[in-house]
Amino acid sequence: MAHRRIVYVIDDEADVCEALKALLDTAGLEARTYASAEEFLSDVKVSRPLCLLVDVRLPGMSGLDLVRHLQRGPVRPVVVMITGHGDVPLAVKAMRAGALHFMEKPFEPAELLETLEEALERVSRMAVEEAASATIEANYRSLTPREQEVMSLLAEGMPTKLLATRLGISTRTAEHHRAAVLKKMAARTVSHLARMSMSLEMRKMPMRS
């Protein structure tokens, strides 16, 4: 059975949720609906990339505040914001909050589905990138403290002989550590290793220096 792609719909209008469910089902998408931001947050742990369709005006926490809250988390969802009272300032606020698109009710079904397809494609790309980053992080954690030091210096472009002098070890030992780091990190080249180091820094993982 093919994997159904999920769109999390957060809207307090029950008839809108039912209509969206029916529409998304025709496109082979699964809609999971919530009447408030609080209900969504209590039910869903955003630990992986997700696609959200969020009404700007919700009871309690607003849609804009929900998006701002989620943007502070470790994994940022892809959000399409909707409203029945759209205006330019509100759209600007939505985009600044991190929304991918802003749409006004009533939507054209084809336009909405096209927008959600774009959002879901972005979710897929993010999931692949997240998996790759998680692998890099796991590999980094397998390094010894000395190997983490060596990786940091290699990523800065330091030659092996200079690296050996900096760490007070023999060139042969430095070469051994270099080979071990490349193998454990599954890095093809030092340049590849440097890109991995940048990925770790972007995830705010502490690097030894």
N, C-alpha and C. Protein backbone atom coordinates (compact mmCIF):
# COMPACT_ATOMS: atom_id res chain seq x y z
N MET A 1 0.85 -1.21 0.00
CA MET A 1 0.00 0.00 0.00
C MET A 1 0.88 1.25 0.00
N ALA A 2 0.57 2.21 -0.88
CA ALA A 2 1.37 3.43 -0.99
C ALA A 2 1.24 4.27 0.28
N HIS A 3 2.31 4.92 0.65
CA HIS A 3 2.31 5.78 1.84
C HIS A 3 1.48 7.03 1.55
N ARG A 4 0.51 7.30 2.44
CA ARG A 4 -0.33 8.49 2.27
C ARG A 4 0.36 9.70 2.88
N ARG A 5 0.42 10.76 2.12
CA ARG A 5 1.03 11.99 2.62
C ARG A 5 0.01 12.74 3.46
N ILE A 6 0.48 13.33 4.56
CA ILE A 6 -0.41 13.91 5.56
C ILE A 6 -0.34 15.43 5.56
N VAL A 7 -1.50 16.06 5.61
CA VAL A 7 -1.61 17.50 5.81
C VAL A 7 -2.36 17.72 7.12
N TYR A 8 -1.74 18.45 8.04
CA TYR A 8 -2.36 18.75 9.33
C TYR A 8 -3.15 20.05 9.18
N VAL A 9 -4.47 19.95 9.28
CA VAL A 9 -5.37 21.09 9.08
C VAL A 9 -5.79 21.62 10.45
N ILE A 10 -5.54 22.92 10.70
CA ILE A 10 -5.91 23.52 11.98
C ILE A 10 -6.85 24.68 11.69
N ASP A 11 -8.15 24.42 11.91
CA ASP A 11 -9.19 25.40 11.59
C ASP A 11 -10.38 25.13 12.51
N ASP A 12 -10.95 26.17 13.10
CA ASP A 12 -12.04 25.97 14.06
C ASP A 12 -13.41 25.83 13.39
N GLU A 13 -13.48 25.94 12.06
CA GLU A 13 -14.75 25.77 11.35
C GLU A 13 -14.88 24.31 10.91
N ALA A 14 -15.80 23.59 11.53
CA ALA A 14 -15.97 22.16 11.26
C ALA A 14 -16.30 21.88 9.80
N ASP A 15 -17.13 22.74 9.18
CA ASP A 15 -17.52 22.50 7.80
C ASP A 15 -16.33 22.67 6.86
N VAL A 16 -15.43 23.62 7.19
CA VAL A 16 -14.23 23.82 6.38
C VAL A 16 -13.33 22.58 6.49
N CYS A 17 -13.18 22.07 7.70
CA CYS A 17 -12.35 20.88 7.90
C CYS A 17 -12.90 19.69 7.12
N GLU A 18 -14.22 19.51 7.15
CA GLU A 18 -14.82 18.38 6.43
C GLU A 18 -14.63 18.53 4.92
N ALA A 19 -14.80 19.76 4.43
CA ALA A 19 -14.63 20.00 2.99
C ALA A 19 -13.17 19.76 2.57
N LEU A 20 -12.24 20.20 3.41
CA LEU A 20 -10.82 20.00 3.11
C LEU A 20 -10.46 18.52 3.14
N LYS A 21 -11.02 17.79 4.10
CA LYS A 21 -10.79 16.35 4.17
C LYS A 21 -11.21 15.67 2.88
N ALA A 22 -12.40 16.02 2.41
CA ALA A 22 -12.94 15.41 1.18
C ALA A 22 -12.07 15.78 -0.02
N LEU A 23 -11.68 17.05 -0.10
CA LEU A 23 -10.85 17.49 -1.22
C LEU A 23 -9.50 16.81 -1.23
N LEU A 24 -8.85 16.77 -0.08
CA LEU A 24 -7.52 16.17 0.00
C LEU A 24 -7.57 14.67 -0.28
N ASP A 25 -8.67 14.04 0.14
CA ASP A 25 -8.81 12.60 -0.10
C ASP A 25 -8.84 12.30 -1.60
N THR A 26 -9.49 13.18 -2.38
CA THR A 26 -9.55 12.97 -3.83
C THR A 26 -8.17 13.05 -4.46
N ALA A 27 -7.24 13.76 -3.80
CA ALA A 27 -5.87 13.91 -4.32
C ALA A 27 -4.91 12.88 -3.70
N GLY A 28 -5.47 11.94 -2.94
CA GLY A 28 -4.64 10.92 -2.33
C GLY A 28 -3.88 11.41 -1.11
N LEU A 29 -4.37 12.50 -0.51
CA LEU A 29 -3.73 13.05 0.68
C LEU A 29 -4.60 12.78 1.91
N GLU A 30 -3.95 12.64 3.05
CA GLU A 30 -4.68 12.43 4.30
C GLU A 30 -4.72 13.74 5.08
N ALA A 31 -5.91 14.14 5.50
CA ALA A 31 -6.07 15.35 6.31
C ALA A 31 -6.34 14.96 7.75
N ARG A 32 -5.55 15.48 8.66
CA ARG A 32 -5.79 15.30 10.09
C ARG A 32 -6.18 16.67 10.65
N THR A 33 -7.38 16.78 11.18
CA THR A 33 -7.94 18.08 11.51
C THR A 33 -7.94 18.37 13.02
N TYR A 34 -7.75 19.65 13.33
CA TYR A 34 -7.74 20.13 14.72
C TYR A 34 -8.48 21.46 14.78
N ALA A 35 -9.25 21.65 15.85
CA ALA A 35 -10.07 22.86 15.97
C ALA A 35 -9.32 24.02 16.61
N SER A 36 -8.13 23.76 17.15
CA SER A 36 -7.37 24.82 17.79
C SER A 36 -5.89 24.49 17.76
N ALA A 37 -5.07 25.52 17.97
CA ALA A 37 -3.62 25.32 18.04
C ALA A 37 -3.27 24.45 19.24
N GLU A 38 -3.97 24.69 20.35
CA GLU A 38 -3.70 23.91 21.57
C GLU A 38 -3.98 22.43 21.36
N GLU A 39 -5.07 22.12 20.65
CA GLU A 39 -5.41 20.72 20.37
C GLU A 39 -4.32 20.07 19.52
N PHE A 40 -3.85 20.80 18.53
CA PHE A 40 -2.77 20.27 17.67
C PHE A 40 -1.51 20.02 18.49
N LEU A 41 -1.11 20.99 19.30
CA LEU A 41 0.13 20.86 20.07
C LEU A 41 0.07 19.73 21.09
N SER A 42 -1.13 19.46 21.63
CA SER A 42 -1.26 18.39 22.61
C SER A 42 -1.25 17.01 21.95
N ASP A 43 -1.56 16.96 20.66
CA ASP A 43 -1.67 15.68 19.96
C ASP A 43 -0.46 15.33 19.11
N VAL A 44 0.23 16.35 18.61
CA VAL A 44 1.31 16.12 17.64
C VAL A 44 2.65 16.61 18.18
N LYS A 45 3.63 15.75 18.17
CA LYS A 45 4.99 16.15 18.52
C LYS A 45 5.73 16.44 17.22
N VAL A 46 6.14 17.69 17.04
CA VAL A 46 6.79 18.08 15.78
C VAL A 46 8.27 17.72 15.87
N SER A 47 8.55 16.44 15.64
CA SER A 47 9.93 15.94 15.70
C SER A 47 10.47 15.62 14.32
N ARG A 48 9.67 15.86 13.29
CA ARG A 48 10.08 15.65 11.90
C ARG A 48 9.35 16.67 11.04
N PRO A 49 9.80 16.90 9.81
CA PRO A 49 9.13 17.88 8.95
C PRO A 49 7.67 17.51 8.69
N LEU A 50 6.77 18.48 8.83
CA LEU A 50 5.34 18.27 8.61
C LEU A 50 4.78 19.36 7.72
N CYS A 51 3.62 19.07 7.10
CA CYS A 51 2.91 20.06 6.29
C CYS A 51 1.67 20.49 7.06
N LEU A 52 1.56 21.80 7.32
CA LEU A 52 0.43 22.34 8.09
C LEU A 52 -0.38 23.32 7.23
N LEU A 53 -1.69 23.22 7.35
CA LEU A 53 -2.62 24.18 6.75
C LEU A 53 -3.33 24.85 7.92
N VAL A 54 -2.98 26.11 8.20
CA VAL A 54 -3.37 26.76 9.45
C VAL A 54 -4.19 28.02 9.20
N ASP A 55 -5.35 28.10 9.87
CA ASP A 55 -6.15 29.34 9.82
C ASP A 55 -5.47 30.39 10.69
N VAL A 56 -5.44 31.62 10.20
CA VAL A 56 -4.81 32.71 10.95
C VAL A 56 -5.54 32.97 12.26
N ARG A 57 -6.88 33.00 12.19
CA ARG A 57 -7.68 33.32 13.37
C ARG A 57 -8.22 32.03 13.99
N LEU A 58 -7.74 31.72 15.18
CA LEU A 58 -8.17 30.54 15.91
C LEU A 58 -8.55 30.93 17.33
N PRO A 59 -9.42 30.16 17.97
CA PRO A 59 -9.73 30.44 19.38
C PRO A 59 -8.50 30.14 20.23
N GLY A 60 -8.23 30.98 21.22
CA GLY A 60 -7.02 30.78 22.02
C GLY A 60 -5.80 31.26 21.27
N MET A 61 -4.79 30.42 21.17
CA MET A 61 -3.58 30.78 20.42
C MET A 61 -3.92 30.97 18.95
N SER A 62 -3.52 32.10 18.38
CA SER A 62 -3.82 32.36 16.97
C SER A 62 -2.92 31.52 16.07
N GLY A 63 -3.31 31.45 14.79
CA GLY A 63 -2.50 30.72 13.83
C GLY A 63 -1.11 31.31 13.70
N LEU A 64 -1.03 32.65 13.68
CA LEU A 64 0.27 33.32 13.59
C LEU A 64 1.15 32.97 14.79
N ASP A 65 0.55 32.99 15.98
CA ASP A 65 1.32 32.67 17.18
C ASP A 65 1.76 31.21 17.18
N LEU A 66 0.92 30.32 16.64
CA LEU A 66 1.29 28.91 16.54
C LEU A 66 2.52 28.75 15.65
N VAL A 67 2.50 29.42 14.49
CA VAL A 67 3.63 29.32 13.57
C VAL A 67 4.90 29.88 14.21
N ARG A 68 4.77 31.02 14.87
CA ARG A 68 5.94 31.60 15.55
C ARG A 68 6.48 30.63 16.62
N HIS A 69 5.58 29.98 17.33
CA HIS A 69 5.98 29.01 18.36
C HIS A 69 6.73 27.83 17.73
N LEU A 70 6.19 27.31 16.64
CA LEU A 70 6.81 26.15 15.99
C LEU A 70 8.15 26.50 15.35
N GLN A 71 8.31 27.75 14.92
CA GLN A 71 9.58 28.17 14.31
C GLN A 71 10.72 28.15 15.32
N ARG A 72 10.40 28.19 16.59
CA ARG A 72 11.44 28.17 17.63
C ARG A 72 11.85 26.74 17.98
N GLY A 73 11.15 25.75 17.44
CA GLY A 73 11.46 24.36 17.74
C GLY A 73 12.62 23.83 16.92
N PRO A 74 13.07 22.61 17.21
CA PRO A 74 14.20 22.02 16.49
C PRO A 74 13.89 21.67 15.04
N VAL A 75 12.61 21.40 14.76
CA VAL A 75 12.19 21.06 13.39
C VAL A 75 11.08 22.01 12.98
N ARG A 76 11.30 22.76 11.92
CA ARG A 76 10.32 23.75 11.48
C ARG A 76 9.38 23.14 10.43
N PRO A 77 8.07 23.16 10.67
CA PRO A 77 7.14 22.63 9.69
C PRO A 77 7.00 23.55 8.49
N VAL A 78 6.46 23.00 7.41
CA VAL A 78 6.13 23.80 6.23
C VAL A 78 4.67 24.21 6.36
N VAL A 79 4.40 25.52 6.38
CA VAL A 79 3.07 26.02 6.72
C VAL A 79 2.44 26.80 5.56
N VAL A 80 1.19 26.46 5.28
CA VAL A 80 0.35 27.26 4.39
C VAL A 80 -0.71 27.88 5.28
N MET A 81 -0.81 29.21 5.31
CA MET A 81 -1.78 29.89 6.16
C MET A 81 -3.01 30.29 5.36
N ILE A 82 -4.16 30.19 6.02
CA ILE A 82 -5.43 30.51 5.35
C ILE A 82 -6.24 31.46 6.23
N THR A 83 -7.12 32.23 5.60
CA THR A 83 -7.99 33.14 6.35
C THR A 83 -9.20 33.52 5.51
N GLY A 84 -10.26 33.88 6.21
CA GLY A 84 -11.44 34.38 5.52
C GLY A 84 -11.45 35.89 5.49
N HIS A 85 -10.45 36.50 6.08
CA HIS A 85 -10.38 37.96 6.17
C HIS A 85 -8.98 38.43 5.80
N GLY A 86 -8.54 38.07 4.60
CA GLY A 86 -7.17 38.36 4.22
C GLY A 86 -6.93 39.81 3.86
N ASP A 87 -5.75 40.29 4.19
CA ASP A 87 -5.32 41.59 3.71
C ASP A 87 -3.80 41.57 3.61
N VAL A 88 -3.24 42.55 2.96
CA VAL A 88 -1.81 42.56 2.71
C VAL A 88 -0.98 42.55 3.99
N PRO A 89 -1.28 43.41 4.99
CA PRO A 89 -0.48 43.39 6.22
C PRO A 89 -0.48 42.03 6.92
N LEU A 90 -1.65 41.35 6.90
CA LEU A 90 -1.75 40.03 7.54
C LEU A 90 -0.92 39.01 6.77
N ALA A 91 -0.94 39.10 5.45
CA ALA A 91 -0.14 38.18 4.63
C ALA A 91 1.35 38.38 4.90
N VAL A 92 1.76 39.64 5.02
CA VAL A 92 3.17 39.93 5.32
C VAL A 92 3.57 39.34 6.66
N LYS A 93 2.70 39.50 7.67
CA LYS A 93 2.98 38.93 8.99
C LYS A 93 3.10 37.41 8.92
N ALA A 94 2.22 36.79 8.13
CA ALA A 94 2.25 35.33 7.99
C ALA A 94 3.56 34.86 7.37
N MET A 95 4.01 35.55 6.34
CA MET A 95 5.25 35.16 5.66
C MET A 95 6.45 35.39 6.58
N ARG A 96 6.42 36.50 7.31
CA ARG A 96 7.51 36.78 8.24
C ARG A 96 7.55 35.75 9.38
N ALA A 97 6.38 35.23 9.73
CA ALA A 97 6.32 34.22 10.79
C ALA A 97 6.87 32.89 10.32
N GLY A 98 7.03 32.74 9.01
CA GLY A 98 7.62 31.51 8.48
C GLY A 98 6.71 30.72 7.56
N ALA A 99 5.55 31.28 7.20
CA ALA A 99 4.64 30.56 6.30
C ALA A 99 5.20 30.51 4.88
N LEU A 100 4.95 29.40 4.21
CA LEU A 100 5.38 29.25 2.82
C LEU A 100 4.44 30.02 1.88
N HIS A 101 3.14 29.94 2.16
CA HIS A 101 2.13 30.63 1.35
C HIS A 101 1.02 31.14 2.25
N PHE A 102 0.25 32.08 1.71
CA PHE A 102 -0.90 32.66 2.40
C PHE A 102 -2.06 32.63 1.42
N MET A 103 -3.18 31.98 1.80
CA MET A 103 -4.32 31.86 0.90
C MET A 103 -5.60 32.35 1.58
N GLU A 104 -6.47 32.96 0.79
CA GLU A 104 -7.72 33.50 1.32
C GLU A 104 -8.89 32.60 0.95
N LYS A 105 -9.78 32.37 1.92
CA LYS A 105 -11.01 31.60 1.66
C LYS A 105 -11.98 32.48 0.88
N PRO A 106 -12.81 31.89 0.03
CA PRO A 106 -12.80 30.47 -0.36
C PRO A 106 -11.69 30.21 -1.38
N PHE A 107 -11.07 29.03 -1.32
CA PHE A 107 -9.98 28.74 -2.25
C PHE A 107 -10.50 28.09 -3.52
N GLU A 108 -9.70 28.23 -4.56
CA GLU A 108 -9.90 27.41 -5.74
C GLU A 108 -9.29 26.06 -5.42
N PRO A 109 -10.05 24.96 -5.50
CA PRO A 109 -9.51 23.65 -5.14
C PRO A 109 -8.19 23.31 -5.83
N ALA A 110 -8.12 23.58 -7.13
CA ALA A 110 -6.90 23.24 -7.88
C ALA A 110 -5.70 24.04 -7.37
N GLU A 111 -5.93 25.32 -7.06
CA GLU A 111 -4.85 26.17 -6.56
C GLU A 111 -4.38 25.71 -5.19
N LEU A 112 -5.34 25.33 -4.34
CA LEU A 112 -4.97 24.85 -3.00
C LEU A 112 -4.16 23.57 -3.09
N LEU A 113 -4.61 22.63 -3.93
CA LEU A 113 -3.90 21.36 -4.07
C LEU A 113 -2.50 21.57 -4.64
N GLU A 114 -2.38 22.50 -5.58
CA GLU A 114 -1.06 22.80 -6.15
C GLU A 114 -0.13 23.37 -5.08
N THR A 115 -0.69 24.24 -4.24
CA THR A 115 0.10 24.84 -3.16
C THR A 115 0.53 23.77 -2.15
N LEU A 116 -0.39 22.87 -1.82
CA LEU A 116 -0.07 21.81 -0.86
C LEU A 116 0.95 20.82 -1.44
N GLU A 117 0.88 20.58 -2.75
CA GLU A 117 1.88 19.72 -3.39
C GLU A 117 3.27 20.33 -3.24
N GLU A 118 3.36 21.64 -3.45
CA GLU A 118 4.64 22.33 -3.29
C GLU A 118 5.13 22.20 -1.85
N ALA A 119 4.21 22.39 -0.90
CA ALA A 119 4.58 22.28 0.51
C ALA A 119 5.04 20.87 0.86
N LEU A 120 4.34 19.87 0.36
CA LEU A 120 4.70 18.48 0.65
C LEU A 120 6.03 18.08 0.01
N GLU A 121 6.30 18.62 -1.18
CA GLU A 121 7.60 18.37 -1.81
C GLU A 121 8.71 18.94 -0.95
N ARG A 122 8.46 20.12 -0.38
CA ARG A 122 9.47 20.72 0.50
C ARG A 122 9.64 19.87 1.76
N VAL A 123 8.54 19.35 2.29
CA VAL A 123 8.61 18.47 3.46
C VAL A 123 9.47 17.25 3.15
N SER A 124 9.28 16.67 1.95
CA SER A 124 10.07 15.49 1.56
C SER A 124 11.55 15.81 1.48
N ARG A 125 11.89 16.97 0.90
CA ARG A 125 13.30 17.37 0.81
C ARG A 125 13.88 17.59 2.21
N MET A 126 13.09 18.23 3.07
CA MET A 126 13.56 18.48 4.43
C MET A 126 13.79 17.17 5.18
N ALA A 127 12.91 16.18 4.95
CA ALA A 127 13.05 14.89 5.63
C ALA A 127 14.34 14.19 5.21
N VAL A 128 14.66 14.28 3.92
CA VAL A 128 15.90 13.68 3.42
C VAL A 128 17.11 14.38 4.04
N GLU A 129 17.06 15.72 4.06
CA GLU A 129 18.15 16.50 4.65
C GLU A 129 18.29 16.23 6.14
N GLU A 130 17.16 16.08 6.82
CA GLU A 130 17.17 15.82 8.27
C GLU A 130 17.80 14.46 8.55
N ALA A 131 17.47 13.46 7.72
CA ALA A 131 18.04 12.13 7.91
C ALA A 131 19.54 12.15 7.70
N ALA A 132 19.98 12.88 6.66
CA ALA A 132 21.43 12.98 6.39
C ALA A 132 22.14 13.68 7.54
N SER A 133 21.53 14.75 8.06
CA SER A 133 22.14 15.48 9.18
C SER A 133 22.21 14.62 10.43
N ALA A 134 21.17 13.82 10.66
CA ALA A 134 21.15 12.94 11.83
C ALA A 134 22.26 11.89 11.73
N THR A 135 22.51 11.41 10.51
CA THR A 135 23.59 10.43 10.30
C THR A 135 24.94 11.06 10.59
N ILE A 136 25.14 12.29 10.10
CA ILE A 136 26.40 13.00 10.35
C ILE A 136 26.60 13.19 11.85
N GLU A 137 25.54 13.57 12.55
CA GLU A 137 25.63 13.79 14.00
C GLU A 137 25.97 12.50 14.73
N ALA A 138 25.33 11.39 14.31
CA ALA A 138 25.61 10.10 14.95
C ALA A 138 27.05 9.68 14.71
N ASN A 139 27.53 9.89 13.49
CA ASN A 139 28.93 9.56 13.18
C ASN A 139 29.89 10.41 14.00
N TYR A 140 29.55 11.69 14.15
CA TYR A 140 30.42 12.59 14.92
C TYR A 140 30.52 12.12 16.37
N ARG A 141 29.39 11.68 16.91
CA ARG A 141 29.38 11.22 18.30
C ARG A 141 30.21 9.94 18.49
N SER A 142 30.46 9.22 17.38
CA SER A 142 31.26 8.00 17.49
C SER A 142 32.76 8.30 17.54
N LEU A 143 33.15 9.54 17.24
CA LEU A 143 34.56 9.93 17.28
C LEU A 143 35.03 10.07 18.73
N THR A 144 36.30 9.75 18.95
CA THR A 144 36.89 10.01 20.26
C THR A 144 37.11 11.52 20.41
N PRO A 145 37.31 12.01 21.64
CA PRO A 145 37.60 13.44 21.81
C PRO A 145 38.77 13.91 20.95
N ARG A 146 39.83 13.09 20.84
CA ARG A 146 40.98 13.47 20.01
C ARG A 146 40.59 13.54 18.55
N GLU A 147 39.78 12.58 18.09
CA GLU A 147 39.35 12.57 16.69
C GLU A 147 38.44 13.77 16.40
N GLN A 148 37.66 14.20 17.38
CA GLN A 148 36.84 15.39 17.19
C GLN A 148 37.72 16.63 17.03
N GLU A 149 38.81 16.69 17.79
CA GLU A 149 39.78 17.78 17.63
C GLU A 149 40.39 17.76 16.24
N VAL A 150 40.77 16.57 15.80
CA VAL A 150 41.39 16.41 14.47
C VAL A 150 40.40 16.83 13.39
N MET A 151 39.15 16.40 13.52
CA MET A 151 38.14 16.78 12.52
C MET A 151 37.98 18.29 12.44
N SER A 152 37.94 18.96 13.59
CA SER A 152 37.79 20.41 13.61
C SER A 152 38.93 21.09 12.87
N LEU A 153 40.15 20.63 13.09
CA LEU A 153 41.32 21.24 12.45
C LEU A 153 41.38 20.91 10.95
N LEU A 154 41.01 19.69 10.61
CA LEU A 154 40.97 19.31 9.19
C LEU A 154 39.93 20.15 8.45
N ALA A 155 38.79 20.36 9.10
CA ALA A 155 37.72 21.14 8.47
C ALA A 155 38.14 22.59 8.24
N GLU A 156 39.09 23.06 9.04
CA GLU A 156 39.63 24.42 8.85
C GLU A 156 40.66 24.48 7.73
N GLY A 157 41.01 23.31 7.17
CA GLY A 157 41.97 23.25 6.08
C GLY A 157 43.41 23.08 6.53
N MET A 158 43.62 22.68 7.78
CA MET A 158 44.98 22.55 8.31
C MET A 158 45.67 21.30 7.76
N PRO A 159 46.87 21.42 7.19
CA PRO A 159 47.62 20.27 6.69
C PRO A 159 47.98 19.32 7.83
N THR A 160 48.19 18.05 7.50
CA THR A 160 48.44 17.04 8.53
C THR A 160 49.67 17.36 9.37
N LYS A 161 50.77 17.83 8.75
CA LYS A 161 51.99 18.12 9.51
C LYS A 161 51.77 19.25 10.51
N LEU A 162 51.07 20.29 10.08
CA LEU A 162 50.79 21.42 10.97
C LEU A 162 49.83 20.99 12.08
N LEU A 163 48.89 20.12 11.70
CA LEU A 163 47.93 19.58 12.67
C LEU A 163 48.67 18.80 13.76
N ALA A 164 49.67 18.00 13.34
CA ALA A 164 50.46 17.22 14.28
C ALA A 164 51.20 18.13 15.26
N THR A 165 51.76 19.22 14.73
CA THR A 165 52.48 20.18 15.57
C THR A 165 51.52 20.84 16.56
N ARG A 166 50.35 21.23 16.07
CA ARG A 166 49.36 21.89 16.93
C ARG A 166 48.95 20.99 18.10
N LEU A 167 48.79 19.70 17.83
CA LEU A 167 48.31 18.78 18.85
C LEU A 167 49.45 18.11 19.64
N GLY A 168 50.69 18.37 19.21
CA GLY A 168 51.82 17.79 19.91
C GLY A 168 51.94 16.29 19.73
N ILE A 169 51.61 15.81 18.52
CA ILE A 169 51.70 14.38 18.22
C ILE A 169 52.56 14.21 16.97
N SER A 170 52.95 12.97 16.69
CA SER A 170 53.77 12.70 15.51
C SER A 170 52.92 12.81 14.25
N THR A 171 53.59 13.06 13.12
CA THR A 171 52.88 13.14 11.85
C THR A 171 52.18 11.82 11.54
N ARG A 172 52.84 10.72 11.87
CA ARG A 172 52.26 9.40 11.61
C ARG A 172 50.97 9.22 12.42
N THR A 173 51.00 9.64 13.68
CA THR A 173 49.80 9.55 14.52
C THR A 173 48.69 10.44 13.97
N ALA A 174 49.07 11.63 13.52
CA ALA A 174 48.10 12.55 12.94
C ALA A 174 47.45 11.94 11.70
N GLU A 175 48.27 11.29 10.87
CA GLU A 175 47.74 10.65 9.66
C GLU A 175 46.79 9.52 10.02
N HIS A 176 47.12 8.79 11.10
CA HIS A 176 46.25 7.71 11.57
C HIS A 176 44.90 8.28 12.01
N HIS A 177 44.94 9.36 12.77
CA HIS A 177 43.69 10.00 13.22
C HIS A 177 42.90 10.54 12.03
N ARG A 178 43.60 11.11 11.06
CA ARG A 178 42.94 11.65 9.87
C ARG A 178 42.17 10.55 9.15
N ALA A 179 42.83 9.42 8.95
CA ALA A 179 42.19 8.29 8.26
C ALA A 179 40.99 7.77 9.05
N ALA A 180 41.14 7.71 10.38
CA ALA A 180 40.05 7.22 11.22
C ALA A 180 38.85 8.16 11.15
N VAL A 181 39.11 9.46 11.17
CA VAL A 181 38.03 10.44 11.10
C VAL A 181 37.28 10.33 9.77
N LEU A 182 38.02 10.28 8.68
CA LEU A 182 37.39 10.18 7.36
C LEU A 182 36.54 8.91 7.26
N LYS A 183 37.06 7.80 7.81
CA LYS A 183 36.33 6.54 7.74
C LYS A 183 35.07 6.58 8.59
N LYS A 184 35.19 7.03 9.84
CA LYS A 184 34.03 7.06 10.74
C LYS A 184 32.96 8.03 10.27
N MET A 185 33.39 9.14 9.67
CA MET A 185 32.42 10.13 9.19
C MET A 185 31.90 9.80 7.80
N ALA A 186 32.45 8.74 7.18
CA ALA A 186 32.07 8.35 5.81
C ALA A 186 32.26 9.52 4.86
N ALA A 187 33.38 10.24 5.06
CA ALA A 187 33.70 11.39 4.22
C ALA A 187 34.61 10.95 3.08
N ARG A 188 34.29 11.36 1.87
CA ARG A 188 35.09 10.97 0.71
C ARG A 188 36.40 11.76 0.65
N THR A 189 36.33 13.02 1.04
CA THR A 189 37.49 13.91 0.99
C THR A 189 37.46 14.84 2.21
N VAL A 190 38.53 15.59 2.40
CA VAL A 190 38.55 16.58 3.47
C VAL A 190 37.52 17.68 3.21
N SER A 191 37.32 18.02 1.93
CA SER A 191 36.30 19.03 1.59
C SER A 191 34.91 18.55 2.00
N HIS A 192 34.67 17.27 1.77
CA HIS A 192 33.40 16.66 2.18
C HIS A 192 33.27 16.73 3.71
N LEU A 193 34.37 16.48 4.39
CA LEU A 193 34.39 16.55 5.86
C LEU A 193 34.08 17.98 6.34
N ALA A 194 34.63 18.95 5.64
CA ALA A 194 34.38 20.35 6.00
C ALA A 194 32.90 20.71 5.87
N ARG A 195 32.25 20.17 4.84
CA ARG A 195 30.81 20.43 4.68
C ARG A 195 30.02 19.79 5.82
N MET A 196 30.47 18.61 6.25
CA MET A 196 29.82 17.95 7.38
C MET A 196 29.99 18.79 8.65
N SER A 197 31.17 19.35 8.82
CA SER A 197 31.44 20.20 9.98
C SER A 197 30.50 21.40 9.99
N MET A 198 30.26 21.99 8.82
CA MET A 198 29.33 23.12 8.71
C MET A 198 27.92 22.69 9.07
N SER A 199 27.53 21.48 8.64
CA SER A 199 26.21 20.95 8.97
C SER A 199 26.05 20.80 10.47
N LEU A 200 27.08 20.31 11.13
CA LEU A 200 27.04 20.15 12.58
C LEU A 200 26.90 21.50 13.28
N GLU A 201 27.62 22.50 12.78
CA GLU A 201 27.56 23.83 13.38
C GLU A 201 26.17 24.44 13.21
N MET A 202 25.56 24.19 12.05
CA MET A 202 24.21 24.71 11.80
C MET A 202 23.19 24.08 12.75
N ARG A 203 23.44 22.85 13.16
CA ARG A 203 22.55 22.19 14.11
C ARG A 203 22.88 22.55 15.55
N LYS A 204 23.86 23.50 15.69
CA LYS A 204 24.28 23.97 17.01
C LYS A 204 24.82 22.85 17.88
N MET A 205 25.54 21.91 17.23
CA MET A 205 26.17 20.84 17.99
C MET A 205 27.56 21.29 18.36
N PRO A 206 27.94 21.18 19.64
CA PRO A 206 29.26 21.67 20.05
C PRO A 206 30.41 20.93 19.39
N MET A 207 31.30 21.68 18.76
CA MET A 207 32.49 21.12 18.12
C MET A 207 33.69 21.44 18.99
N ARG A 208 34.60 20.50 19.13
CA ARG A 208 35.82 20.74 19.90
C ARG A 208 36.79 21.53 19.04
N SER A 209 37.56 22.41 19.69
CA SER A 209 38.54 23.19 18.95
C SER A 209 39.90 23.01 19.59
